[in-house]
PDB file of all heavy atoms in Angstrom:
ATOM      1  N   ALA A   1      -4.286  -1.085  -5.212  1.00  0.00           N
ATOM      2  CA  ALA A   1      -2.985  -0.481  -5.520  1.00  0.00           C
ATOM      3  C   ALA A   1      -2.424  -1.006  -6.834  1.00  0.00           C
ATOM      4  O   ALA A   1      -1.856  -0.239  -7.631  1.00  0.00           O
ATOM      5  CB  ALA A   1      -2.008  -0.760  -4.382  1.00  0.00           C
ATOM      6  N   ARG A   2      -2.566  -2.291  -7.074  1.00  0.00           N
ATOM      7  CA  ARG A   2      -2.065  -2.862  -8.340  1.00  0.00           C
ATOM      8  C   ARG A   2      -2.760  -2.217  -9.530  1.00  0.00           C
ATOM      9  O   ARG A   2      -2.126  -1.928 -10.556  1.00  0.00           O
ATOM     10  CB  ARG A   2      -2.284  -4.374  -8.346  1.00  0.00           C
ATOM     11  CG  ARG A   2      -1.312  -5.141  -7.459  1.00  0.00           C
ATOM     12  CD  ARG A   2      -1.429  -6.635  -7.691  1.00  0.00           C
ATOM     13  NE  ARG A   2      -0.436  -7.364  -6.910  1.00  0.00           N
ATOM     14  CZ  ARG A   2      -0.723  -8.337  -6.047  1.00  0.00           C
ATOM     15  NH1 ARG A   2      -1.975  -8.706  -5.867  1.00  0.00           N
ATOM     16  NH2 ARG A   2       0.234  -8.944  -5.377  1.00  0.00           N
ATOM     17  N   GLN A   3      -4.059  -1.997  -9.404  1.00  0.00           N
ATOM     18  CA  GLN A   3      -4.802  -1.366 -10.493  1.00  0.00           C
ATOM     19  C   GLN A   3      -4.298   0.058 -10.729  1.00  0.00           C
ATOM     20  O   GLN A   3      -4.098   0.480 -11.873  1.00  0.00           O
ATOM     21  CB  GLN A   3      -6.282  -1.361 -10.168  1.00  0.00           C
ATOM     22  CG  GLN A   3      -7.170  -0.905 -11.303  1.00  0.00           C
ATOM     23  CD  GLN A   3      -8.637  -1.011 -10.942  1.00  0.00           C
ATOM     24  OE1 GLN A   3      -9.133  -0.244 -10.116  1.00  0.00           O
ATOM     25  NE2 GLN A   3      -9.343  -1.947 -11.549  1.00  0.00           N
ATOM     26  N   ALA A   4      -4.092   0.799  -9.640  1.00  0.00           N
ATOM     27  CA  ALA A   4      -3.614   2.174  -9.780  1.00  0.00           C
ATOM     28  C   ALA A   4      -2.208   2.213 -10.370  1.00  0.00           C
ATOM     29  O   ALA A   4      -1.906   3.061 -11.225  1.00  0.00           O
ATOM     30  CB  ALA A   4      -3.635   2.870  -8.413  1.00  0.00           C
ATOM     31  N   LEU A   5      -1.338   1.325  -9.938  1.00  0.00           N
ATOM     32  CA  LEU A   5       0.025   1.278 -10.483  1.00  0.00           C
ATOM     33  C   LEU A   5       0.016   0.965 -11.967  1.00  0.00           C
ATOM     34  O   LEU A   5       0.761   1.570 -12.752  1.00  0.00           O
ATOM     35  CB  LEU A   5       0.846   0.228  -9.731  1.00  0.00           C
ATOM     36  CG  LEU A   5       1.322   0.606  -8.329  1.00  0.00           C
ATOM     37  CD1 LEU A   5       1.814  -0.627  -7.584  1.00  0.00           C
ATOM     38  CD2 LEU A   5       2.442   1.658  -8.408  1.00  0.00           C
ATOM     39  N   GLU A   6      -0.815   0.014 -12.370  1.00  0.00           N
ATOM     40  CA  GLU A   6      -0.900  -0.341 -13.791  1.00  0.00           C
ATOM     41  C   GLU A   6      -1.362   0.851 -14.625  1.00  0.00           C
ATOM     42  O   GLU A   6      -0.806   1.136 -15.697  1.00  0.00           O
ATOM     43  CB  GLU A   6      -1.854  -1.519 -13.971  1.00  0.00           C
ATOM     44  CG  GLU A   6      -1.983  -1.986 -15.418  1.00  0.00           C
ATOM     45  CD  GLU A   6      -2.917  -3.166 -15.561  1.00  0.00           C
ATOM     46  OE1 GLU A   6      -3.333  -3.739 -14.532  1.00  0.00           O
ATOM     47  OE2 GLU A   6      -3.248  -3.521 -16.719  1.00  0.00           O
ATOM     48  N   ARG A   7      -2.350   1.569 -14.126  1.00  0.00           N
ATOM     49  CA  ARG A   7      -2.855   2.722 -14.868  1.00  0.00           C
ATOM     50  C   ARG A   7      -1.828   3.856 -14.915  1.00  0.00           C
ATOM     51  O   ARG A   7      -1.809   4.635 -15.871  1.00  0.00           O
ATOM     52  CB  ARG A   7      -4.158   3.214 -14.225  1.00  0.00           C
ATOM     53  CG  ARG A   7      -5.322   2.261 -14.416  1.00  0.00           C
ATOM     54  CD  ARG A   7      -6.521   2.695 -13.608  1.00  0.00           C
ATOM     55  NE  ARG A   7      -7.681   1.841 -13.841  1.00  0.00           N
ATOM     56  CZ  ARG A   7      -8.795   1.890 -13.115  1.00  0.00           C
ATOM     57  NH1 ARG A   7      -8.894   2.757 -12.100  1.00  0.00           N
ATOM     58  NH2 ARG A   7      -9.796   1.081 -13.383  1.00  0.00           N
ATOM     59  N   ALA A   8      -1.011   3.961 -13.869  1.00  0.00           N
ATOM     60  CA  ALA A   8       0.037   4.986 -13.851  1.00  0.00           C
ATOM     61  C   ALA A   8       1.283   4.550 -14.610  1.00  0.00           C
ATOM     62  O   ALA A   8       2.231   5.326 -14.742  1.00  0.00           O
ATOM     63  CB  ALA A   8       0.419   5.317 -12.407  1.00  0.00           C
ATOM     64  N   GLN A   9       1.275   3.299 -15.096  1.00  0.00           N
ATOM     65  CA  GLN A   9       2.419   2.718 -15.811  1.00  0.00           C
ATOM     66  C   GLN A   9       3.681   2.752 -14.936  1.00  0.00           C
ATOM     67  O   GLN A   9       4.764   3.110 -15.385  1.00  0.00           O
ATOM     68  CB  GLN A   9       2.640   3.424 -17.151  1.00  0.00           C
ATOM     69  CG  GLN A   9       1.453   3.303 -18.090  1.00  0.00           C
ATOM     70  CD  GLN A   9       1.695   3.952 -19.445  1.00  0.00           C
ATOM     71  OE1 GLN A   9       2.527   4.842 -19.597  1.00  0.00           O
ATOM     72  NE2 GLN A   9       0.955   3.506 -20.453  1.00  0.00           N
ATOM     73  N   LEU A  10       3.483   2.331 -13.678  1.00  0.00           N
ATOM     74  CA  LEU A  10       4.570   2.264 -12.721  1.00  0.00           C
ATOM     75  C   LEU A  10       4.699   0.845 -12.188  1.00  0.00           C
ATOM     76  O   LEU A  10       3.739   0.063 -12.207  1.00  0.00           O
ATOM     77  CB  LEU A  10       4.325   3.215 -11.552  1.00  0.00           C
ATOM     78  CG  LEU A  10       4.314   4.712 -11.856  1.00  0.00           C
ATOM     79  CD1 LEU A  10       3.864   5.482 -10.616  1.00  0.00           C
ATOM     80  CD2 LEU A  10       5.689   5.192 -12.316  1.00  0.00           C
ATOM     81  N   ASN A  11       5.892   0.527 -11.694  1.00  0.00           N
ATOM     82  CA  ASN A  11       6.136  -0.733 -11.017  1.00  0.00           C
ATOM     83  C   ASN A  11       6.043  -0.534  -9.505  1.00  0.00           C
ATOM     84  O   ASN A  11       6.276   0.582  -9.012  1.00  0.00           O
ATOM     85  CB  ASN A  11       7.525  -1.267 -11.371  1.00  0.00           C
ATOM     86  CG  ASN A  11       7.656  -1.601 -12.835  1.00  0.00           C
ATOM     87  OD1 ASN A  11       6.795  -2.266 -13.417  1.00  0.00           O
ATOM     88  ND2 ASN A  11       8.746  -1.141 -13.453  1.00  0.00           N
ATOM     89  N   PRO A  12       5.740  -1.572  -8.755  1.00  0.00           N
ATOM     90  CA  PRO A  12       5.724  -1.430  -7.297  1.00  0.00           C
ATOM     91  C   PRO A  12       7.028  -0.877  -6.725  1.00  0.00           C
ATOM     92  O   PRO A  12       7.006  -0.125  -5.742  1.00  0.00           O
ATOM     93  CB  PRO A  12       5.456  -2.857  -6.810  1.00  0.00           C
ATOM     94  CG  PRO A  12       4.696  -3.496  -7.930  1.00  0.00           C
ATOM     95  CD  PRO A  12       5.288  -2.913  -9.178  1.00  0.00           C
ATOM     96  N   THR A  13       8.148  -1.217  -7.348  1.00  0.00           N
ATOM     97  CA  THR A  13       9.438  -0.742  -6.849  1.00  0.00           C
ATOM     98  C   THR A  13       9.660   0.741  -7.121  1.00  0.00           C
ATOM     99  O   THR A  13      10.633   1.318  -6.628  1.00  0.00           O
ATOM    100  CB  THR A  13      10.590  -1.549  -7.466  1.00  0.00           C
ATOM    101  OG1 THR A  13      10.444  -1.573  -8.893  1.00  0.00           O
ATOM    102  CG2 THR A  13      10.603  -2.975  -6.927  1.00  0.00           C
ATOM    103  N   ASP A  14       8.758   1.379  -7.869  1.00  0.00           N
ATOM    104  CA  ASP A  14       8.846   2.828  -8.067  1.00  0.00           C
ATOM    105  C   ASP A  14       8.311   3.599  -6.865  1.00  0.00           C
ATOM    106  O   ASP A  14       8.594   4.793  -6.724  1.00  0.00           O
ATOM    107  CB  ASP A  14       8.057   3.254  -9.316  1.00  0.00           C
ATOM    108  CG  ASP A  14       8.676   2.767 -10.609  1.00  0.00           C
ATOM    109  OD1 ASP A  14       9.917   2.758 -10.702  1.00  0.00           O
ATOM    110  OD2 ASP A  14       7.915   2.385 -11.519  1.00  0.00           O
ATOM    111  N   LEU A  15       7.536   2.940  -6.019  1.00  0.00           N
ATOM    112  CA  LEU A  15       6.920   3.624  -4.884  1.00  0.00           C
ATOM    113  C   LEU A  15       7.958   3.971  -3.822  1.00  0.00           C
ATOM    114  O   LEU A  15       8.787   3.135  -3.444  1.00  0.00           O
ATOM    115  CB  LEU A  15       5.834   2.756  -4.260  1.00  0.00           C
ATOM    116  CG  LEU A  15       4.566   2.519  -5.098  1.00  0.00           C
ATOM    117  CD1 LEU A  15       3.644   1.527  -4.409  1.00  0.00           C
ATOM    118  CD2 LEU A  15       3.841   3.844  -5.363  1.00  0.00           C
ATOM    119  N   ASP A  16       7.869   5.197  -3.325  1.00  0.00           N
ATOM    120  CA  ASP A  16       8.749   5.648  -2.245  1.00  0.00           C
ATOM    121  C   ASP A  16       8.075   5.569  -0.881  1.00  0.00           C
ATOM    122  O   ASP A  16       8.752   5.521   0.145  1.00  0.00           O
ATOM    123  CB  ASP A  16       9.175   7.101  -2.499  1.00  0.00           C
ATOM    124  CG  ASP A  16       9.943   7.246  -3.798  1.00  0.00           C
ATOM    125  OD1 ASP A  16      11.027   6.665  -3.915  1.00  0.00           O
ATOM    126  OD2 ASP A  16       9.425   7.937  -4.704  1.00  0.00           O
ATOM    127  N   LEU A  17       6.731   5.566  -0.866  1.00  0.00           N
ATOM    128  CA  LEU A  17       5.997   5.570   0.399  1.00  0.00           C
ATOM    129  C   LEU A  17       4.613   4.980   0.168  1.00  0.00           C
ATOM    130  O   LEU A  17       4.001   5.219  -0.874  1.00  0.00           O
ATOM    131  CB  LEU A  17       5.871   7.002   0.933  1.00  0.00           C
ATOM    132  CG  LEU A  17       5.123   7.217   2.241  1.00  0.00           C
ATOM    133  CD1 LEU A  17       5.828   6.525   3.400  1.00  0.00           C
ATOM    134  CD2 LEU A  17       4.979   8.720   2.539  1.00  0.00           C
ATOM    135  N   ILE A  18       4.152   4.219   1.150  1.00  0.00           N
ATOM    136  CA  ILE A  18       2.804   3.661   1.146  1.00  0.00           C
ATOM    137  C   ILE A  18       2.098   4.127   2.411  1.00  0.00           C
ATOM    138  O   ILE A  18       2.574   3.868   3.522  1.00  0.00           O
ATOM    139  CB  ILE A  18       2.820   2.121   1.104  1.00  0.00           C
ATOM    140  CG1 ILE A  18       3.454   1.622  -0.192  1.00  0.00           C
ATOM    141  CG2 ILE A  18       1.398   1.567   1.256  1.00  0.00           C
ATOM    142  CD1 ILE A  18       3.702   0.120  -0.207  1.00  0.00           C
ATOM    143  N   ILE A  19       0.981   4.833   2.236  1.00  0.00           N
ATOM    144  CA  ILE A  19       0.158   5.261   3.365  1.00  0.00           C
ATOM    145  C   ILE A  19      -1.189   4.555   3.239  1.00  0.00           C
ATOM    146  O   ILE A  19      -1.866   4.688   2.214  1.00  0.00           O
ATOM    147  CB  ILE A  19      -0.065   6.784   3.378  1.00  0.00           C
ATOM    148  CG1 ILE A  19       1.257   7.548   3.246  1.00  0.00           C
ATOM    149  CG2 ILE A  19      -0.796   7.206   4.649  1.00  0.00           C
ATOM    150  CD1 ILE A  19       1.080   9.056   3.094  1.00  0.00           C
ATOM    151  N   VAL A  20      -1.568   3.828   4.267  1.00  0.00           N
ATOM    152  CA  VAL A  20      -2.870   3.156   4.282  1.00  0.00           C
ATOM    153  C   VAL A  20      -3.733   3.787   5.360  1.00  0.00           C
ATOM    154  O   VAL A  20      -3.384   3.769   6.541  1.00  0.00           O
ATOM    155  CB  VAL A  20      -2.726   1.643   4.531  1.00  0.00           C
ATOM    156  CG1 VAL A  20      -4.114   1.008   4.691  1.00  0.00           C
ATOM    157  CG2 VAL A  20      -1.973   0.975   3.384  1.00  0.00           C
ATOM    158  N   ALA A  21      -4.848   4.352   4.946  1.00  0.00           N
ATOM    159  CA  ALA A  21      -5.822   4.923   5.868  1.00  0.00           C
ATOM    160  C   ALA A  21      -6.843   3.848   6.210  1.00  0.00           C
ATOM    161  O   ALA A  21      -7.570   3.375   5.333  1.00  0.00           O
ATOM    162  CB  ALA A  21      -6.507   6.133   5.240  1.00  0.00           C
ATOM    163  N   THR A  22      -6.883   3.449   7.470  1.00  0.00           N
ATOM    164  CA  THR A  22      -7.835   2.418   7.878  1.00  0.00           C
ATOM    165  C   THR A  22      -8.033   2.452   9.384  1.00  0.00           C
ATOM    166  O   THR A  22      -7.122   2.800  10.130  1.00  0.00           O
ATOM    167  CB  THR A  22      -7.365   1.013   7.448  1.00  0.00           C
ATOM    168  OG1 THR A  22      -8.399   0.064   7.720  1.00  0.00           O
ATOM    169  CG2 THR A  22      -6.080   0.607   8.151  1.00  0.00           C
ATOM    170  N   ASP A  23      -9.228   2.084   9.817  1.00  0.00           N
ATOM    171  CA  ASP A  23      -9.459   1.799  11.233  1.00  0.00           C
ATOM    172  C   ASP A  23      -9.939   0.360  11.401  1.00  0.00           C
ATOM    173  O   ASP A  23     -10.457  -0.011  12.458  1.00  0.00           O
ATOM    174  CB  ASP A  23     -10.421   2.801  11.867  1.00  0.00           C
ATOM    175  CG  ASP A  23     -11.750   2.915  11.156  1.00  0.00           C
ATOM    176  OD1 ASP A  23     -11.909   2.300  10.082  1.00  0.00           O
ATOM    177  OD2 ASP A  23     -12.646   3.616  11.662  1.00  0.00           O
ATOM    178  N   THR A  24      -9.736  -0.450  10.351  1.00  0.00           N
ATOM    179  CA  THR A  24      -9.955  -1.903  10.419  1.00  0.00           C
ATOM    180  C   THR A  24      -8.694  -2.594   9.916  1.00  0.00           C
ATOM    181  O   THR A  24      -8.714  -3.290   8.909  1.00  0.00           O
ATOM    182  CB  THR A  24     -11.176  -2.323   9.575  1.00  0.00           C
ATOM    183  OG1 THR A  24     -10.951  -1.943   8.204  1.00  0.00           O
ATOM    184  CG2 THR A  24     -12.449  -1.677  10.094  1.00  0.00           C
ATOM    185  N   PRO A  25      -7.570  -2.417  10.610  1.00  0.00           N
ATOM    186  CA  PRO A  25      -6.296  -2.947  10.127  1.00  0.00           C
ATOM    187  C   PRO A  25      -6.238  -4.470  10.222  1.00  0.00           C
ATOM    188  O   PRO A  25      -7.029  -5.105  10.929  1.00  0.00           O
ATOM    189  CB  PRO A  25      -5.279  -2.306  11.075  1.00  0.00           C
ATOM    190  CG  PRO A  25      -6.036  -2.103  12.350  1.00  0.00           C
ATOM    191  CD  PRO A  25      -7.431  -1.739  11.913  1.00  0.00           C
ATOM    192  N   ASP A  26      -5.273  -5.047   9.519  1.00  0.00           N
ATOM    193  CA  ASP A  26      -5.042  -6.487   9.650  1.00  0.00           C
ATOM    194  C   ASP A  26      -4.715  -6.841  11.101  1.00  0.00           C
ATOM    195  O   ASP A  26      -5.176  -7.853  11.626  1.00  0.00           O
ATOM    196  CB  ASP A  26      -3.871  -6.920   8.760  1.00  0.00           C
ATOM    197  CG  ASP A  26      -4.243  -6.990   7.286  1.00  0.00           C
ATOM    198  OD1 ASP A  26      -5.318  -6.491   6.909  1.00  0.00           O
ATOM    199  OD2 ASP A  26      -3.436  -7.546   6.508  1.00  0.00           O
ATOM    200  N   TYR A  27      -3.874  -6.028  11.718  1.00  0.00           N
ATOM    201  CA  TYR A  27      -3.433  -6.246  13.093  1.00  0.00           C
ATOM    202  C   TYR A  27      -3.458  -4.920  13.847  1.00  0.00           C
ATOM    203  O   TYR A  27      -3.386  -3.860  13.235  1.00  0.00           O
ATOM    204  CB  TYR A  27      -1.997  -6.778  13.145  1.00  0.00           C
ATOM    205  CG  TYR A  27      -1.565  -7.670  12.019  1.00  0.00           C
ATOM    206  CD1 TYR A  27      -0.677  -7.224  11.040  1.00  0.00           C
ATOM    207  CD2 TYR A  27      -2.027  -8.984  11.933  1.00  0.00           C
ATOM    208  CE1 TYR A  27      -0.264  -8.046  10.005  1.00  0.00           C
ATOM    209  CE2 TYR A  27      -1.621  -9.817  10.896  1.00  0.00           C
ATOM    210  CZ  TYR A  27      -0.735  -9.341   9.930  1.00  0.00           C
ATOM    211  OH  TYR A  27      -0.330 -10.151   8.906  1.00  0.00           O
ATOM    212  N   LEU A  28      -3.512  -4.993  15.184  1.00  0.00           N
ATOM    213  CA  LEU A  28      -3.282  -3.778  15.960  1.00  0.00           C
ATOM    214  C   LEU A  28      -1.883  -3.247  15.664  1.00  0.00           C
ATOM    215  O   LEU A  28      -1.659  -2.042  15.588  1.00  0.00           O
ATOM    216  CB  LEU A  28      -3.420  -4.060  17.457  1.00  0.00           C
ATOM    217  CG  LEU A  28      -4.837  -4.098  18.030  1.00  0.00           C
ATOM    218  CD1 LEU A  28      -4.799  -4.442  19.507  1.00  0.00           C
ATOM    219  CD2 LEU A  28      -5.544  -2.763  17.828  1.00  0.00           C
ATOM    220  N   SER A  29      -0.938  -4.139  15.519  1.00  0.00           N
ATOM    221  CA  SER A  29       0.437  -3.796  15.158  1.00  0.00           C
ATOM    222  C   SER A  29       1.059  -5.044  14.563  1.00  0.00           C
ATOM    223  O   SER A  29       0.784  -6.162  15.033  1.00  0.00           O
ATOM    224  CB  SER A  29       1.209  -3.363  16.413  1.00  0.00           C
ATOM    225  OG  SER A  29       2.542  -3.044  16.110  1.00  0.00           O
ATOM    226  N   PRO A  30       1.836  -4.946  13.499  1.00  0.00           N
ATOM    227  CA  PRO A  30       2.333  -3.740  12.833  1.00  0.00           C
ATOM    228  C   PRO A  30       1.340  -3.172  11.827  1.00  0.00           C
ATOM    229  O   PRO A  30       0.217  -3.661  11.698  1.00  0.00           O
ATOM    230  CB  PRO A  30       3.580  -4.258  12.118  1.00  0.00           C
ATOM    231  CG  PRO A  30       3.223  -5.676  11.768  1.00  0.00           C
ATOM    232  CD  PRO A  30       2.427  -6.177  12.940  1.00  0.00           C
ATOM    233  N   ALA A  31       1.807  -2.160  11.105  1.00  0.00           N
ATOM    234  CA  ALA A  31       0.952  -1.436  10.172  1.00  0.00           C
ATOM    235  C   ALA A  31       0.499  -2.315   9.010  1.00  0.00           C
ATOM    236  O   ALA A  31       1.278  -3.114   8.468  1.00  0.00           O
ATOM    237  CB  ALA A  31       1.683  -0.211   9.628  1.00  0.00           C
ATOM    238  N   THR A  32      -0.750  -2.145   8.621  1.00  0.00           N
ATOM    239  CA  THR A  32      -1.268  -2.815   7.428  1.00  0.00           C
ATOM    240  C   THR A  32      -0.490  -2.396   6.190  1.00  0.00           C
ATOM    241  O   THR A  32      -0.324  -3.184   5.252  1.00  0.00           O
ATOM    242  CB  THR A  32      -2.762  -2.495   7.266  1.00  0.00           C
ATOM    243  OG1 THR A  32      -3.468  -3.024   8.400  1.00  0.00           O
ATOM    244  CG2 THR A  32      -3.344  -3.096   6.003  1.00  0.00           C
ATOM    245  N   ALA A  33       0.030  -1.173   6.178  1.00  0.00           N
ATOM    246  CA  ALA A  33       0.824  -0.699   5.036  1.00  0.00           C
ATOM    247  C   ALA A  33       2.048  -1.579   4.813  1.00  0.00           C
ATOM    248  O   ALA A  33       2.494  -1.754   3.672  1.00  0.00           O
ATOM    249  CB  ALA A  33       1.245   0.757   5.249  1.00  0.00           C
ATOM    250  N   SER A  34       2.606  -2.139   5.880  1.00  0.00           N
ATOM    251  CA  SER A  34       3.762  -3.022   5.721  1.00  0.00           C
ATOM    252  C   SER A  34       3.364  -4.327   5.046  1.00  0.00           C
ATOM    253  O   SER A  34       4.105  -4.871   4.222  1.00  0.00           O
ATOM    254  CB  SER A  34       4.398  -3.302   7.086  1.00  0.00           C
ATOM    255  OG  SER A  34       4.992  -2.138   7.610  1.00  0.00           O
ATOM    256  N   ALA A  35       2.171  -4.841   5.386  1.00  0.00           N
ATOM    257  CA  ALA A  35       1.671  -6.037   4.710  1.00  0.00           C
ATOM    258  C   ALA A  35       1.419  -5.752   3.236  1.00  0.00           C
ATOM    259  O   ALA A  35       1.705  -6.584   2.365  1.00  0.00           O
ATOM    260  CB  ALA A  35       0.399  -6.522   5.393  1.00  0.00           C
ATOM    261  N   VAL A  36       0.906  -4.557   2.935  1.00  0.00           N
ATOM    262  CA  VAL A  36       0.682  -4.171   1.537  1.00  0.00           C
ATOM    263  C   VAL A  36       2.012  -4.083   0.794  1.00  0.00           C
ATOM    264  O   VAL A  36       2.132  -4.552  -0.349  1.00  0.00           O
ATOM    265  CB  VAL A  36      -0.077  -2.822   1.469  1.00  0.00           C
ATOM    266  CG1 VAL A  36      -0.134  -2.300   0.036  1.00  0.00           C
ATOM    267  CG2 VAL A  36      -1.482  -2.972   2.038  1.00  0.00           C
TER     268      VAL A  36
END
């Protein structure tokens, strides 16, 4: 994500939504997207 943001010339605080597609999450709950 950091690489993509840098190439898009955006800051992390510009993001309105984070969707993480995974079936190997950090935890069963909560969402890995929250950790990201």
